[in-house]
Amino acid sequence: QEVPDREDFDFILHSSADTAPNPELHSTSWYESVTWTTQDQKPREIAIHFVKHDEMLQHPEDTLLMIEGGTLKQIWKLSKRFKCVIPVRSTEDDLELLDLSAPFLIQRNVKYYGCKQCSTPKPMKNLSSIAAEQQPSWEPTEIAQVLGIELLRYVFIMKFTLVDETGALNAYLFD
């Protein structure tokens, strides 16, 4: 499965930003929410949900946050400051992951993708089980597991053509 380039990811984020965050889903027992409206030509509402541990916010370098309505630039800035960033959108009764064409988790400069065919995404409230742990590690594999995501692995593929006087042969170097 191909992963989206920067423009595709930006398009997915913009299309999810068309739906305003659901205020009923703000500040639950396991996350604290902050919202604001951008001052762009087309104002958008952005919500950031900071996951708590023992009902307290953690230091930024230990914090997982979920963002609704954010742009690619905002997500990159947040990923440099916070441990993990998960782009989400609101439904009527819970937060959910964006389309699995987009990365479901960003940790610093690393983007983690889930397989569209083999994943069965679960509600974001499943993250509360990790937040309740003694020392939540926010490891990508653990996050993927509780969210029902089957992680994609990067695979090296190279196509080249061998040509001699008898003709051409296309060859693929895989994995």
Protein backbone atom coordinates (compact mmCIF):
# COMPACT_ATOMS: atom_id res chain seq x y z
CA GLN A 1 0.00 0.00 0.00
CA GLU A 2 1.41 3.36 -0.98
CA VAL A 3 1.66 6.01 1.71
CA PRO A 4 0.41 9.50 0.86
CA ASP A 5 2.81 12.27 0.03
CA ARG A 6 2.72 15.65 1.79
CA GLU A 7 0.00 17.09 -0.48
CA ASP A 8 -2.27 14.05 -0.06
CA PHE A 9 -1.92 14.18 3.73
CA ASP A 10 -2.66 17.92 3.68
CA PHE A 11 -5.79 17.26 1.57
CA ILE A 12 -7.02 14.60 4.03
CA LEU A 13 -6.50 17.05 6.91
CA HIS A 14 -8.34 19.87 5.11
CA SER A 15 -11.29 17.65 4.23
CA SER A 16 -11.61 16.48 7.84
CA ALA A 17 -11.46 20.11 9.04
CA ASP A 18 -14.79 20.81 7.30
CA THR A 19 -16.55 19.19 10.26
CA ALA A 20 -16.38 21.30 13.43
CA PRO A 21 -15.27 19.56 16.63
CA ASN A 22 -18.14 18.23 18.73
CA PRO A 23 -18.16 20.27 21.99
CA GLU A 24 -19.84 17.37 23.83
CA LEU A 25 -16.63 15.37 23.40
CA HIS A 26 -14.39 17.98 25.05
CA SER A 27 -12.60 17.43 28.36
CA THR A 28 -13.51 13.92 29.47
CA SER A 29 -12.13 11.99 32.43
CA TRP A 30 -9.05 10.93 30.44
CA TYR A 31 -8.24 14.02 28.33
CA GLU A 32 -8.36 17.81 28.62
CA SER A 33 -9.48 19.85 25.59
CA VAL A 34 -8.59 23.31 24.30
CA THR A 35 -10.28 24.92 21.27
CA TRP A 36 -9.79 28.05 19.21
CA THR A 37 -10.86 29.47 15.87
CA THR A 38 -8.29 30.39 13.22
CA GLN A 39 -8.21 33.86 11.69
CA ASP A 40 -7.76 32.59 8.13
CA GLN A 41 -9.88 33.61 5.12
CA LYS A 42 -12.04 30.60 5.92
CA PRO A 43 -12.07 30.37 9.75
CA ARG A 44 -11.73 26.85 11.14
CA GLU A 45 -12.22 25.56 14.64
CA ILE A 46 -9.32 23.54 16.03
CA ALA A 47 -9.47 21.31 19.09
CA ILE A 48 -6.51 19.76 20.86
CA HIS A 49 -7.17 16.99 23.36
CA PHE A 50 -4.31 16.41 25.84
CA VAL A 51 -4.40 12.86 27.26
CA LYS A 52 -4.08 12.88 31.07
CA HIS A 53 -2.35 10.41 33.38
CA ASP A 54 -3.75 10.03 36.92
CA GLU A 55 -6.11 12.89 36.05
CA MET A 56 -3.14 15.23 35.51
CA LEU A 57 -1.48 16.57 32.40
CA GLN A 58 2.06 15.33 31.80
CA HIS A 59 5.19 17.11 30.64
CA PRO A 60 5.03 17.84 26.87
CA GLU A 61 7.76 15.31 26.06
CA ASP A 62 5.61 12.59 27.71
CA THR A 63 2.22 13.73 26.37
CA LEU A 64 0.03 12.17 23.73
CA LEU A 65 -2.39 14.60 22.14
CA MET A 66 -5.17 14.32 19.60
CA ILE A 67 -5.87 17.18 17.20
CA GLU A 68 -9.04 17.99 15.26
CA GLY A 69 -9.08 20.44 12.38
CA GLY A 70 -5.32 21.08 12.38
CA THR A 71 -3.23 21.76 9.30
CA LEU A 72 -0.10 19.91 8.29
CA LYS A 73 2.06 22.80 9.52
CA GLN A 74 0.35 22.82 12.94
CA ILE A 75 0.72 19.06 13.30
CA TRP A 76 4.47 19.23 12.51
CA LYS A 77 4.95 21.98 15.10
CA LEU A 78 3.08 19.99 17.74
CA SER A 79 4.98 16.78 16.92
CA LYS A 80 8.29 18.55 17.63
CA ARG A 81 7.11 19.59 21.11
CA PHE A 82 4.94 16.66 22.24
CA LYS A 83 5.69 12.93 22.32
CA CYS A 84 2.81 11.75 20.08
CA VAL A 85 0.21 13.47 17.90
CA ILE A 86 -2.87 11.68 16.57
CA PRO A 87 -5.05 13.47 13.98
CA VAL A 88 -8.73 12.75 14.77
CA ARG A 89 -12.25 13.89 13.93
CA SER A 90 -15.48 14.03 15.93
CA THR A 91 -18.45 11.79 15.50
CA GLU A 92 -21.68 12.07 17.42
CA ASP A 93 -20.46 10.00 20.35
CA ASP A 94 -16.66 9.67 20.16
CA LEU A 95 -13.45 10.75 18.52
CA GLU A 96 -12.19 8.61 15.64
CA LEU A 97 -9.09 8.27 13.52
CA LEU A 98 -8.94 9.91 10.13
CA ASP A 99 -8.91 7.81 6.98
CA LEU A 100 -6.09 5.25 7.27
CA SER A 101 -4.58 6.72 4.10
CA ALA A 102 -3.17 9.33 6.48
CA PRO A 103 -0.71 8.54 9.24
CA PHE A 104 -2.61 7.64 12.40
CA LEU A 105 0.30 8.66 14.66
CA ILE A 106 3.13 11.18 14.34
CA GLN A 107 6.08 10.94 16.70
CA ARG A 108 8.68 13.67 16.07
CA ASN A 109 9.55 13.22 12.36
CA VAL A 110 8.27 9.64 12.09
CA LYS A 111 4.83 8.94 10.64
CA TYR A 112 3.07 5.65 11.44
CA TYR A 113 0.53 4.23 9.01
CA GLY A 114 -2.07 1.54 9.38
CA CYS A 115 -3.15 -1.04 6.82
CA LYS A 116 -6.57 -0.16 5.38
CA GLN A 117 -7.42 -3.80 4.59
CA CYS A 118 -6.30 -5.55 7.78
CA SER A 119 -7.05 -2.90 10.45
CA THR A 120 -10.33 -2.67 12.35
CA PRO A 121 -10.16 0.80 13.94
CA LYS A 122 -11.57 1.09 17.43
CA PRO A 123 -12.80 4.21 19.24
CA MET A 124 -10.21 6.61 20.66
CA LYS A 125 -11.51 6.00 24.20
CA ASN A 126 -9.51 2.75 24.11
CA LEU A 127 -6.41 4.93 24.65
CA SER A 128 -7.64 5.53 28.20
CA SER A 129 -6.39 2.03 29.09
CA ILE A 130 -2.80 3.08 28.27
CA ALA A 131 -3.24 6.42 30.07
CA ALA A 132 -4.30 4.50 33.19
CA GLU A 133 -1.04 2.50 33.28
CA GLN A 134 1.55 3.25 35.98
CA GLN A 135 4.05 4.62 33.43
CA PRO A 136 2.37 5.12 30.03
CA SER A 137 5.06 4.72 27.38
CA TRP A 138 3.01 5.73 24.34
CA GLU A 139 4.86 3.25 22.15
CA PRO A 140 3.50 3.16 18.57
CA THR A 141 2.97 -0.62 18.62
CA GLU A 142 0.98 -0.42 21.87
CA ILE A 143 -1.11 2.51 20.59
CA ALA A 144 -1.77 0.65 17.33
CA GLN A 145 -2.85 -2.46 19.22
CA VAL A 146 -5.44 -0.71 21.43
CA LEU A 147 -6.77 1.21 18.42
CA GLY A 148 -7.13 -1.94 16.29
CA ILE A 149 -4.51 -0.80 13.79
CA GLU A 150 -2.26 -3.21 11.91
CA LEU A 151 0.96 -1.24 11.36
CA LEU A 152 2.38 -0.91 7.87
CA ARG A 153 6.04 -1.74 7.44
CA TYR A 154 8.24 0.15 5.05
CA VAL A 155 9.38 -2.06 2.18
CA PHE A 156 12.13 -1.26 -0.28
CA ILE A 157 11.07 -1.69 -3.91
CA MET A 158 13.21 -0.80 -6.92
CA LYS A 159 12.28 -1.22 -10.57
CA PHE A 160 14.95 -1.21 -13.24
CA THR A 161 15.26 -2.25 -16.85
CA LEU A 162 18.03 -4.47 -18.18
CA VAL A 163 18.79 -3.79 -21.83
CA ASP A 164 21.12 -5.61 -24.22
CA GLU A 165 21.14 -6.37 -27.95
CA THR A 166 18.46 -9.06 -27.54
CA GLY A 167 15.90 -6.74 -25.91
CA ALA A 168 14.77 -5.24 -22.60
CA LEU A 169 13.78 -6.94 -19.39
CA ASN A 170 11.99 -5.19 -16.52
CA ALA A 171 13.21 -6.35 -13.11
CA TYR A 172 12.02 -5.61 -9.58
CA LEU A 173 14.13 -5.64 -6.46
CA PHE A 174 11.80 -6.22 -3.52
CA ASP A 175 12.34 -6.06 0.24
